[in-house]
């Protein structure tokens, strides 16, 4: 059995549980069949005829992310190169590679905060084109070239870039540490032409059949990590992509690990598996937890101060619109403008097909459907917005924007700020629980009256009451503190909206200015 935590292997001090170790061994066997031997750190060229798909499934706290991280470490130790999406060395094209992907910027950032160099599924499809002069720095940082001499960059700047890269393995981040902006060294984006090798996909419950088929076409070996207790994509009729895999290709993690055993949020999430538990019983359980542990809050109102960085999670769309309207009202936001610091959600790109390159520019910078964004102020031209893309590796951009503010009891949204075409946004102070999948926040507010309505309706999804699936997903979005909001009330803000908590950097303009 492969044991990445044994004393002989000093690359990890982590001890895997029995089910994690078993899954590690099973995946190691799949990788060995593809030519990557983790036991002997032996890499063989990929076989054109070989393909494999498997899934690791487990509920929150079962150790999926820990297992993923251990597999990543083992593959790196064996000499497999990481494809991050921010730069791919031409000298490494014939090597065995691994890409770690997530469906959203926020989900990828959760992995990166845990030391796993993840990027979005969408982002891996597009490769940045570097200015040849600065590409020399990228090659040096990736240990494929000599230390360069670049006009205008001091030795101290290069050392800052090198030190940053040793910690974070991000080429754009390292170049930013040297004092450069993305627009200095990235001249454009191109769609990936060659297939990739090994792919690890986190938050697999969010994938639909078409995305899954696309990923299988890109990767010869694909391992999907997912939580079967979450909500299936809305167009999947309650099923998830790993449901259709053969049983021998599915590995389940069931143990809840010691470090999570005293987590009251996970206790509540796993209590939902009890078929006898009703909604009122569950609320009494939450109220009791709140008396015992301040990580669970029985809240009589929505805390408006939290809504600017973590949306209130709701089930019904009309609840979402009412909360957004209330959020803007208590902050005194005018109807015809946005306040700096207002949260937005990208609703897609509104560009005709002839502007495909401009679409790639926007999407490659993180403005994909569902991306969470903070408005930083107007751009240099009418219709442009300066934006901070939450969870993106290079977060600050300027783009032509179409902002739609929905209002209660009105079919058409009000558009206070718009270019003729560009990235479309909805307000992000509240989102549906479906849209929140894949994201986590330090503090999460769940609007309980909506789940009560779902419970009263008696709807069932994939054999389980819908309210339980909604509650499970909503609760497990919270990293530190869960607010269970039981009344339809909104607190007053303690101060104005701010943006000084976001990483300060010049916003690199996207190439849509000619469209305004």
Protein backbone atom coordinates (compact mmCIF):
# COMPACT_ATOMS: atom_id res chain seq x y z
CA UNK A 1 0.00 0.00 0.00
CA UNK A 2 1.25 3.49 -0.85
CA UNK A 3 1.48 5.51 2.37
CA UNK A 4 2.47 9.13 1.84
CA UNK A 5 2.72 9.64 5.59
CA UNK A 6 5.23 6.92 6.50
CA UNK A 7 8.52 7.94 8.17
CA UNK A 8 10.51 6.86 5.11
CA UNK A 9 8.65 9.44 3.04
CA UNK A 10 9.44 12.84 4.52
CA UNK A 11 7.43 14.86 1.99
CA UNK A 12 4.33 14.72 4.19
CA UNK A 13 3.54 14.44 7.88
CA UNK A 14 -0.13 13.73 7.19
CA UNK A 15 -1.69 10.47 8.32
CA UNK A 16 -4.45 9.26 6.04
CA UNK A 17 -7.48 7.44 7.40
CA UNK A 18 -8.24 3.92 6.18
CA UNK A 19 -10.73 5.06 3.53
CA UNK A 20 -8.44 7.86 2.37
CA UNK A 21 -5.47 5.47 2.12
CA UNK A 22 -7.57 2.97 0.19
CA UNK A 23 -8.71 5.67 -2.26
CA UNK A 24 -5.08 6.88 -2.55
CA UNK A 25 -3.98 3.36 -3.51
CA UNK A 26 -6.81 2.88 -5.99
CA UNK A 27 -6.03 6.18 -7.72
CA UNK A 28 -2.31 5.34 -7.64
CA UNK A 29 -3.14 2.16 -9.55
CA UNK A 30 -5.06 4.17 -12.15
CA UNK A 31 -2.13 6.56 -12.51
CA UNK A 32 0.32 3.63 -12.79
CA UNK A 33 -1.71 2.23 -15.69
CA UNK A 34 -1.33 5.63 -17.37
CA UNK A 35 2.46 5.56 -16.92
CA UNK A 36 2.87 7.47 -13.63
CA UNK A 37 4.28 5.21 -10.91
CA UNK A 38 4.06 7.00 -7.55
CA UNK A 39 5.79 4.16 -5.66
CA UNK A 40 8.99 4.35 -7.68
CA UNK A 41 8.69 7.98 -8.92
CA UNK A 42 8.84 6.63 -12.46
CA UNK A 43 7.28 8.51 -15.37
CA UNK A 44 6.59 6.94 -18.74
CA UNK A 45 5.24 8.76 -21.80
CA UNK A 46 1.43 8.79 -21.91
CA UNK A 47 -0.22 6.09 -23.98
CA UNK A 48 -2.44 7.51 -26.69
CA UNK A 49 -4.93 4.66 -26.31
CA UNK A 50 -5.22 4.88 -22.51
CA UNK A 51 -7.99 6.83 -20.77
CA UNK A 52 -9.46 6.60 -17.29
CA UNK A 53 -12.15 8.36 -15.27
CA UNK A 54 -12.77 7.94 -11.54
CA UNK A 55 -14.54 9.78 -8.73
CA UNK A 56 -13.79 10.37 -5.06
CA UNK A 57 -16.99 11.08 -3.16
CA UNK A 58 -17.59 12.17 0.40
CA UNK A 59 -19.55 14.60 2.53
CA UNK A 60 -18.12 17.75 4.09
CA UNK A 61 -15.34 16.93 6.55
CA UNK A 62 -14.58 13.51 5.05
CA UNK A 63 -11.15 14.59 3.84
CA UNK A 64 -11.59 14.96 0.06
CA UNK A 65 -9.41 18.08 -0.06
CA UNK A 66 -6.72 16.49 2.13
CA UNK A 67 -6.62 13.46 -0.15
CA UNK A 68 -6.48 15.66 -3.24
CA UNK A 69 -3.58 17.63 -1.74
CA UNK A 70 -1.66 14.44 -0.85
CA UNK A 71 -2.09 13.11 -4.37
CA UNK A 72 -0.88 16.43 -5.79
CA UNK A 73 2.20 16.30 -3.54
CA UNK A 74 2.93 12.71 -4.56
CA UNK A 75 2.64 13.56 -8.26
CA UNK A 76 4.95 16.56 -7.85
CA UNK A 77 7.46 14.41 -5.98
CA UNK A 78 7.34 11.93 -8.86
CA UNK A 79 8.28 14.71 -11.30
CA UNK A 80 4.87 15.52 -12.80
CA UNK A 81 4.62 19.18 -13.84
CA UNK A 82 1.71 21.35 -12.67
CA UNK A 83 -0.24 23.16 -15.41
CA UNK A 84 -1.66 26.21 -13.64
CA UNK A 85 -3.19 28.18 -16.49
CA UNK A 86 -1.08 31.29 -15.87
CA UNK A 87 1.97 30.12 -17.82
CA UNK A 88 3.06 26.93 -19.57
CA UNK A 89 6.69 26.52 -20.53
CA UNK A 90 7.34 25.51 -24.12
CA UNK A 91 10.22 23.40 -22.83
CA UNK A 92 7.87 21.26 -20.74
CA UNK A 93 5.39 20.20 -23.39
CA UNK A 94 6.70 16.63 -23.56
CA UNK A 95 6.51 16.07 -19.78
CA UNK A 96 3.74 14.41 -17.75
CA UNK A 97 1.43 17.09 -16.42
CA UNK A 98 -1.31 17.63 -13.86
CA UNK A 99 -3.99 20.33 -13.75
CA UNK A 100 -6.09 20.93 -10.61
CA UNK A 101 -9.36 22.59 -11.54
CA UNK A 102 -12.54 23.91 -9.95
CA UNK A 103 -15.75 25.22 -11.56
CA UNK A 104 -15.52 28.76 -10.10
CA UNK A 105 -12.91 31.33 -9.07
CA UNK A 106 -14.00 31.07 -5.44
CA UNK A 107 -13.75 27.27 -5.39
CA UNK A 108 -10.28 27.45 -6.93
CA UNK A 109 -9.20 30.08 -4.39
CA UNK A 110 -10.36 27.84 -1.52
CA UNK A 111 -7.94 25.18 -2.78
CA UNK A 112 -5.14 27.71 -3.31
CA UNK A 113 -5.52 28.90 0.30
CA UNK A 114 -4.85 25.29 1.31
CA UNK A 115 -1.66 25.15 -0.74
CA UNK A 116 -3.10 23.42 -3.83
CA UNK A 117 -2.25 25.32 -7.06
CA UNK A 118 -5.77 25.25 -8.52
CA UNK A 119 -7.33 27.26 -11.32
CA UNK A 120 -10.77 27.31 -12.94
CA UNK A 121 -11.93 24.82 -15.55
CA UNK A 122 -12.57 27.69 -17.91
CA UNK A 123 -9.18 29.26 -17.30
CA UNK A 124 -7.25 26.14 -18.28
CA UNK A 125 -8.80 26.29 -21.76
CA UNK A 126 -7.01 29.55 -22.51
CA UNK A 127 -3.27 30.19 -22.42
CA UNK A 128 -1.81 33.68 -21.93
CA UNK A 129 0.52 34.98 -24.62
CA UNK A 130 3.53 36.60 -22.92
CA UNK A 131 5.66 39.42 -24.23
CA UNK A 132 8.91 37.67 -25.31
CA UNK A 133 11.06 39.84 -23.04
CA UNK A 134 9.07 39.00 -19.91
CA UNK A 135 8.69 35.37 -20.98
CA UNK A 136 12.40 35.07 -20.13
CA UNK A 137 11.50 35.80 -16.49
CA UNK A 138 8.74 33.19 -16.58
CA UNK A 139 11.13 30.57 -17.95
CA UNK A 140 13.69 31.42 -15.27
CA UNK A 141 11.10 31.18 -12.50
CA UNK A 142 9.96 27.82 -13.87
CA UNK A 143 13.62 26.66 -13.76
CA UNK A 144 13.80 26.27 -17.52
CA UNK A 145 16.16 29.16 -18.25
CA UNK A 146 18.97 31.33 -16.95
CA UNK A 147 18.38 34.39 -14.80
CA UNK A 148 17.61 37.15 -17.33
CA UNK A 149 18.61 40.77 -17.50
CA UNK A 150 15.56 42.90 -18.27
CA UNK A 151 15.80 46.60 -18.99
CA UNK A 152 13.95 48.58 -16.33
CA UNK A 153 13.93 45.75 -13.77
CA UNK A 154 16.48 45.78 -10.96
CA UNK A 155 18.05 42.75 -9.32
CA UNK A 156 15.96 43.53 -6.25
CA UNK A 157 12.77 43.35 -8.34
CA UNK A 158 13.78 39.98 -9.77
CA UNK A 159 14.55 38.71 -6.28
CA UNK A 160 11.06 39.78 -5.13
CA UNK A 161 9.58 37.88 -8.09
CA UNK A 162 11.65 34.80 -7.27
CA UNK A 163 10.74 34.87 -3.57
CA UNK A 164 7.04 35.22 -4.39
CA UNK A 165 7.14 32.34 -6.87
CA UNK A 166 8.81 30.02 -4.36
CA UNK A 167 5.81 30.50 -2.06
CA UNK A 168 2.88 30.73 -4.46
CA UNK A 169 3.96 29.23 -7.84
CA UNK A 170 2.10 31.97 -9.72
CA UNK A 171 3.94 33.62 -12.63
CA UNK A 172 1.57 36.64 -12.84
CA UNK A 173 1.77 37.07 -9.07
CA UNK A 174 5.57 36.91 -9.17
CA UNK A 175 5.75 39.49 -11.97
CA UNK A 176 3.33 41.72 -10.04
CA UNK A 177 5.67 41.43 -7.03
CA UNK A 178 8.42 42.75 -9.33
CA UNK A 179 6.30 45.84 -10.02
CA UNK A 180 4.72 44.80 -13.33
CA UNK A 181 1.06 44.80 -14.34
CA UNK A 182 -0.68 42.10 -16.35
CA UNK A 183 -0.99 44.47 -19.30
CA UNK A 184 2.82 44.80 -19.28
CA UNK A 185 3.60 41.13 -19.84
CA UNK A 186 0.42 39.45 -21.17
CA UNK A 187 -0.33 40.50 -24.75
CA UNK A 188 -3.39 38.29 -25.34
CA UNK A 189 -4.95 34.85 -24.91
CA UNK A 190 -5.19 31.79 -27.12
CA UNK A 191 -7.42 28.74 -26.80
CA UNK A 192 -5.57 25.58 -25.84
CA UNK A 193 -4.98 23.42 -28.90
CA UNK A 194 -3.32 20.34 -27.41
CA UNK A 195 -5.02 17.95 -24.97
CA UNK A 196 -3.78 17.66 -21.41
CA UNK A 197 -2.66 14.70 -19.34
CA UNK A 198 -3.99 14.23 -15.77
CA UNK A 199 -6.84 16.33 -14.39
CA UNK A 200 -8.15 16.62 -10.81
CA UNK A 201 -11.56 18.32 -10.68
CA UNK A 202 -12.86 19.60 -7.33
CA UNK A 203 -16.56 20.35 -6.62
CA UNK A 204 -17.59 17.68 -9.12
CA UNK A 205 -21.24 17.90 -8.03
CA UNK A 206 -21.44 21.21 -9.93
CA UNK A 207 -20.54 19.67 -13.30
CA UNK A 208 -23.21 19.01 -15.89
CA UNK A 209 -23.00 16.29 -18.55
CA UNK A 210 -21.68 18.61 -21.25
CA UNK A 211 -18.85 19.97 -19.07
CA UNK A 212 -17.97 16.42 -18.04
CA UNK A 213 -17.78 15.32 -21.67
CA UNK A 214 -15.57 18.32 -22.51
CA UNK A 215 -13.20 17.47 -19.66
CA UNK A 216 -12.97 13.83 -20.75
CA UNK A 217 -12.03 15.06 -24.23
CA UNK A 218 -9.21 17.21 -22.77
CA UNK A 219 -7.74 14.84 -20.15
CA UNK A 220 -6.67 11.26 -20.69
CA UNK A 221 -6.86 10.62 -16.93
CA UNK A 222 -9.61 12.42 -15.01
CA UNK A 223 -10.28 12.20 -11.25
CA UNK A 224 -13.41 14.00 -10.01
CA UNK A 225 -13.84 14.95 -6.32
CA UNK A 226 -17.40 15.66 -5.22
CA UNK A 227 -20.01 15.69 -2.47
CA UNK A 228 -23.06 13.53 -3.29
CA UNK A 229 -25.16 15.33 -0.67
CA UNK A 230 -25.04 18.65 -2.51
CA UNK A 231 -27.53 19.94 -5.06
CA UNK A 232 -27.24 18.61 -8.59
CA UNK A 233 -26.99 21.12 -11.48
CA UNK A 234 -30.41 22.52 -12.36
CA UNK A 235 -30.49 20.80 -15.77
CA UNK A 236 -29.51 17.36 -14.47
CA UNK A 237 -32.83 16.16 -12.99
CA UNK A 238 -31.24 15.54 -9.61
CA UNK A 239 -28.35 13.42 -10.88
CA UNK A 240 -24.61 14.12 -10.79
CA UNK A 241 -22.00 13.16 -13.35
CA UNK A 242 -20.32 10.60 -11.09
CA UNK A 243 -23.63 8.78 -10.58
CA UNK A 244 -23.20 7.26 -14.07
CA UNK A 245 -19.71 5.92 -13.47
CA UNK A 246 -19.27 2.18 -12.81
CA UNK A 247 -19.04 1.27 -9.14
CA UNK A 248 -15.41 0.15 -9.46
CA UNK A 249 -14.50 3.72 -10.55
CA UNK A 250 -16.08 5.35 -7.48
CA UNK A 251 -14.30 5.66 -4.13
CA UNK A 252 -16.21 6.82 -1.07
CA UNK A 253 -14.87 8.64 2.00
CA UNK A 254 -17.13 8.24 5.00
CA UNK A 255 -15.07 9.02 8.08
CA UNK A 256 -15.33 12.51 9.60
CA UNK A 257 -11.84 13.46 10.70
CA UNK A 258 -10.68 14.39 14.17
CA UNK A 259 -9.95 18.01 13.29
CA UNK A 260 -13.57 18.36 12.17
CA UNK A 261 -15.15 16.35 14.96
CA UNK A 262 -15.78 19.35 17.21
CA UNK A 263 -17.06 21.60 14.43
CA UNK A 264 -20.68 22.48 15.23
CA UNK A 265 -21.34 23.54 11.62
CA UNK A 266 -20.39 20.09 10.32
CA UNK A 267 -22.36 18.46 13.15
CA UNK A 268 -25.47 20.25 11.88
CA UNK A 269 -24.74 19.36 8.26
CA UNK A 270 -24.36 15.66 9.00
CA UNK A 271 -27.42 15.60 11.25
CA UNK A 272 -29.48 16.23 8.12
CA UNK A 273 -28.82 12.63 7.02
CA UNK A 274 -31.27 11.39 9.70
CA UNK A 275 -34.46 10.51 7.79
CA UNK A 276 -36.55 11.12 10.92
CA UNK A 277 -35.31 14.69 11.38
CA UNK A 278 -37.96 17.32 10.60
CA UNK A 279 -37.45 21.02 9.95
CA UNK A 280 -38.66 22.12 13.41
CA UNK A 281 -36.40 19.53 15.08
CA UNK A 282 -33.48 20.81 13.03
CA UNK A 283 -34.11 24.41 14.05
CA UNK A 284 -34.22 23.39 17.71
CA UNK A 285 -30.87 21.69 17.16
CA UNK A 286 -29.43 24.90 15.67
CA UNK A 287 -30.77 26.97 18.57
CA UNK A 288 -29.15 24.58 21.05
CA UNK A 289 -25.81 24.69 19.17
CA UNK A 290 -25.95 28.49 19.19
CA UNK A 291 -26.22 28.48 23.00
CA UNK A 292 -23.19 26.19 23.27
CA UNK A 293 -20.84 27.57 20.59
CA UNK A 294 -20.43 31.06 19.14
CA UNK A 295 -19.58 29.56 15.74
CA UNK A 296 -23.34 29.11 15.29
CA UNK A 297 -25.54 32.20 15.63
CA UNK A 298 -29.33 32.13 16.01
CA UNK A 299 -29.99 35.46 14.35
CA UNK A 300 -33.17 37.54 14.49
CA UNK A 301 -32.08 39.65 11.50
CA UNK A 302 -29.84 39.76 8.46
CA UNK A 303 -26.53 41.48 9.28
CA UNK A 304 -26.12 43.96 6.45
CA UNK A 305 -22.40 44.52 7.15
CA UNK A 306 -21.66 40.93 6.11
CA UNK A 307 -23.56 41.16 2.82
CA UNK A 308 -20.87 43.19 1.02
CA UNK A 309 -18.40 40.29 1.09
CA UNK A 310 -20.55 37.19 1.62
CA UNK A 311 -24.07 37.08 0.19
CA UNK A 312 -27.13 35.99 2.12
CA UNK A 313 -28.05 32.49 0.90
CA UNK A 314 -31.70 32.05 -0.09
CA UNK A 315 -33.86 29.54 -1.94
CA UNK A 316 -36.48 31.75 -3.61
CA UNK A 317 -35.57 34.28 -6.23
CA UNK A 318 -38.04 36.87 -4.95
CA UNK A 319 -36.36 36.70 -1.53
CA UNK A 320 -33.03 37.37 -3.23
CA UNK A 321 -34.37 40.44 -5.02
CA UNK A 322 -36.02 41.84 -1.87
CA UNK A 323 -32.82 41.49 0.16
CA UNK A 324 -30.77 43.18 -2.56
CA UNK A 325 -33.22 46.06 -2.73
CA UNK A 326 -33.11 46.44 1.07
CA UNK A 327 -29.29 46.31 1.08
CA UNK A 328 -29.07 49.13 -1.46
CA UNK A 329 -31.71 51.17 0.36
CA UNK A 330 -30.01 51.08 3.78
CA UNK A 331 -26.72 52.15 2.15
CA UNK A 332 -28.45 55.04 0.37
CA UNK A 333 -27.46 53.79 -3.09
CA UNK A 334 -28.95 55.98 -5.86
CA UNK A 335 -31.07 54.33 -8.54
CA UNK A 336 -28.89 55.61 -11.36
CA UNK A 337 -25.45 54.62 -10.05
CA UNK A 338 -23.47 52.08 -8.05
CA UNK A 339 -21.60 52.72 -4.83
CA UNK A 340 -17.97 51.68 -4.57
CA UNK A 341 -17.89 48.40 -2.70
CA UNK A 342 -21.20 47.00 -3.95
CA UNK A 343 -20.99 43.24 -4.61
CA UNK A 344 -21.90 41.90 -8.07
CA UNK A 345 -22.30 38.48 -9.70
CA UNK A 346 -21.22 37.99 -13.31
CA UNK A 347 -24.23 36.84 -15.35
CA UNK A 348 -22.28 36.05 -18.52
CA UNK A 349 -20.77 37.87 -21.48
CA UNK A 350 -23.00 39.79 -23.88
CA UNK A 351 -20.90 39.95 -27.04
CA UNK A 352 -21.65 38.81 -30.61
CA UNK A 353 -19.65 35.91 -32.03
CA UNK A 354 -17.50 38.20 -34.17
CA UNK A 355 -15.94 39.52 -30.94
CA UNK A 356 -14.71 36.09 -29.85
CA UNK A 357 -11.24 37.35 -28.89
CA UNK A 358 -12.72 40.00 -26.60
CA UNK A 359 -14.87 37.32 -24.99
CA UNK A 360 -11.72 35.29 -24.34
CA UNK A 361 -10.07 38.34 -22.78
CA UNK A 362 -12.94 38.76 -20.34
CA UNK A 363 -13.37 35.10 -19.47
CA UNK A 364 -9.65 34.44 -19.12
CA UNK A 365 -9.45 37.19 -16.51
CA UNK A 366 -12.10 35.49 -14.39
CA UNK A 367 -15.29 37.16 -15.63
CA UNK A 368 -17.13 33.89 -16.15
CA UNK A 369 -20.78 33.26 -15.31
CA UNK A 370 -21.18 33.10 -11.53
CA UNK A 371 -17.96 34.99 -10.71
CA UNK A 372 -18.25 37.16 -7.59
CA UNK A 373 -17.08 40.71 -8.12
CA UNK A 374 -16.80 43.93 -6.12
CA UNK A 375 -17.42 47.24 -7.90
CA UNK A 376 -14.47 49.60 -7.41
CA UNK A 377 -15.75 52.59 -9.37
CA UNK A 378 -16.28 53.80 -12.94
CA UNK A 379 -13.68 53.19 -15.61
CA UNK A 380 -12.04 55.78 -17.81
CA UNK A 381 -14.84 55.66 -20.40
CA UNK A 382 -18.63 55.61 -20.05
CA UNK A 383 -19.94 52.11 -19.52
CA UNK A 384 -16.66 50.80 -18.10
CA UNK A 385 -16.27 49.54 -14.53
CA UNK A 386 -13.22 48.93 -12.38
CA UNK A 387 -13.76 45.55 -10.73
CA UNK A 388 -12.20 43.19 -8.20
CA UNK A 389 -12.85 39.55 -9.15
CA UNK A 390 -13.04 37.60 -5.89
CA UNK A 391 -10.77 34.56 -5.83
CA UNK A 392 -9.00 35.38 -9.11
CA UNK A 393 -5.21 35.26 -9.11
CA UNK A 394 -4.99 38.65 -10.85
CA UNK A 395 -8.20 40.15 -9.43
CA UNK A 396 -8.40 43.78 -10.52
CA UNK A 397 -9.63 44.53 -14.02
CA UNK A 398 -11.44 47.22 -15.97
CA UNK A 399 -14.15 46.08 -18.38
CA UNK A 400 -17.16 47.24 -20.36
CA UNK A 401 -20.07 46.33 -18.08
CA UNK A 402 -23.84 45.91 -18.14
CA UNK A 403 -25.13 46.08 -14.58
CA UNK A 404 -28.71 44.92 -13.97
CA UNK A 405 -30.44 45.88 -10.72
CA UNK A 406 -33.54 43.76 -10.18
CA UNK A 407 -36.42 45.25 -8.20
CA UNK A 408 -39.29 43.61 -6.32
CA UNK A 409 -42.48 43.14 -8.36
CA UNK A 410 -40.87 44.42 -11.57
CA UNK A 411 -40.25 42.07 -14.48
CA UNK A 412 -37.47 44.08 -16.14
CA UNK A 413 -34.31 45.04 -14.21
CA UNK A 414 -33.20 48.64 -13.93
CA UNK A 415 -29.85 49.24 -15.67
CA UNK A 416 -28.05 52.14 -14.00
CA UNK A 417 -24.73 51.64 -15.74
CA UNK A 418 -24.10 50.00 -19.09
CA UNK A 419 -21.89 49.71 -22.11
CA UNK A 420 -23.44 48.53 -25.36
CA UNK A 421 -21.81 45.14 -24.89
CA UNK A 422 -19.46 43.47 -22.42
CA UNK A 423 -19.71 41.59 -19.12
CA UNK A 424 -23.21 41.46 -17.60
CA UNK A 425 -23.72 41.60 -13.83
CA UNK A 426 -26.48 41.08 -11.31
CA UNK A 427 -26.28 42.40 -7.77
CA UNK A 428 -24.50 40.05 -5.36
CA UNK A 429 -25.69 40.96 -1.86
CA UNK A 430 -27.85 37.83 -1.90
CA UNK A 431 -27.62 34.68 -4.04
CA UNK A 432 -29.53 31.45 -4.35
CA UNK A 433 -28.11 28.40 -2.62
CA UNK A 434 -27.71 26.73 -6.02
CA UNK A 435 -25.44 29.56 -7.17
CA UNK A 436 -23.43 29.41 -3.92
CA UNK A 437 -22.21 25.86 -4.55
CA UNK A 438 -18.45 25.70 -4.88
CA UNK A 439 -17.91 28.85 -2.81
CA UNK A 440 -17.05 29.27 0.83
CA UNK A 441 -16.99 32.33 3.04
CA UNK A 442 -15.72 32.96 6.55
CA UNK A 443 -19.23 34.02 7.66
CA UNK A 444 -22.41 32.73 6.02
CA UNK A 445 -25.97 33.88 6.60
CA UNK A 446 -28.74 31.42 5.68
CA UNK A 447 -32.25 32.83 5.30
CA UNK A 448 -34.21 30.18 7.19
CA UNK A 449 -37.77 31.34 6.27
CA UNK A 450 -37.07 30.23 2.69
CA UNK A 451 -36.08 26.73 3.82
CA UNK A 452 -39.20 26.56 5.97
CA UNK A 453 -41.26 27.19 2.81
CA UNK A 454 -39.36 24.42 0.99
CA UNK A 455 -40.07 22.06 3.91
CA UNK A 456 -43.80 22.93 3.90
CA UNK A 457 -44.00 22.24 0.16
CA UNK A 458 -42.70 18.70 0.71
CA UNK A 459 -40.53 18.66 -2.42
CA UNK A 460 -38.10 15.76 -2.85
CA UNK A 461 -34.88 15.66 -4.91
CA UNK A 462 -32.94 12.44 -5.56
CA UNK A 463 -34.83 10.69 -2.78
CA UNK A 464 -34.21 13.34 -0.10
CA UNK A 465 -36.37 16.27 1.04
CA UNK A 466 -35.29 19.34 -0.90
CA UNK A 467 -35.05 21.50 2.24
CA UNK A 468 -32.40 19.14 3.63
CA UNK A 469 -30.28 19.36 0.48
CA UNK A 470 -30.63 23.15 0.50
CA UNK A 471 -29.74 23.35 4.20
CA UNK A 472 -26.73 21.03 3.75
CA UNK A 473 -25.27 23.08 0.89
CA UNK A 474 -25.95 26.41 2.62
CA UNK A 475 -24.47 25.34 5.96
CA UNK A 476 -21.31 23.87 4.47
CA UNK A 477 -20.50 27.18 2.72
CA UNK A 478 -19.48 28.56 6.15
CA UNK A 479 -15.79 28.27 7.05
CA UNK A 480 -15.89 29.88 10.51
CA UNK A 481 -19.34 31.08 11.54
CA UNK A 482 -22.91 30.23 10.53
CA UNK A 483 -25.77 32.72 10.99
CA UNK A 484 -29.20 31.05 10.88
CA UNK A 485 -31.51 34.01 10.19
CA UNK A 486 -35.05 33.36 11.43
CA UNK A 487 -36.76 36.73 10.89
CA UNK A 488 -37.33 38.86 7.81
CA UNK A 489 -35.44 41.85 9.20
CA UNK A 490 -32.35 43.76 8.14
CA UNK A 491 -29.86 45.39 10.50
CA UNK A 492 -28.57 48.89 9.91
CA UNK A 493 -25.02 49.20 8.56
CA UNK A 494 -22.34 50.26 11.04
CA UNK A 495 -20.56 52.26 8.33
CA UNK A 496 -20.37 52.92 4.59
CA UNK A 497 -19.26 50.36 2.02
CA UNK A 498 -15.47 50.13 1.70
CA UNK A 499 -12.95 48.73 -0.77
CA UNK A 500 -9.72 49.22 1.16
CA UNK A 501 -9.81 45.59 2.34
CA UNK A 502 -9.22 44.41 -1.22
CA UNK A 503 -5.72 43.92 -2.53
CA UNK A 504 -4.60 47.23 -4.00
CA UNK A 505 -3.18 46.99 -7.52
CA UNK A 506 -3.65 48.92 -10.76
CA UNK A 507 -6.62 47.59 -12.69
CA UNK A 508 -5.39 46.21 -16.00
CA UNK A 509 -7.79 47.33 -18.76
CA UNK A 510 -9.41 44.71 -20.95
CA UNK A 511 -9.52 45.14 -24.68
CA UNK A 512 -13.12 46.27 -25.13
CA UNK A 513 -12.70 50.04 -25.23
CA UNK A 514 -13.41 50.28 -28.94
CA UNK A 515 -16.89 48.90 -28.28
CA UNK A 516 -18.12 51.84 -26.16
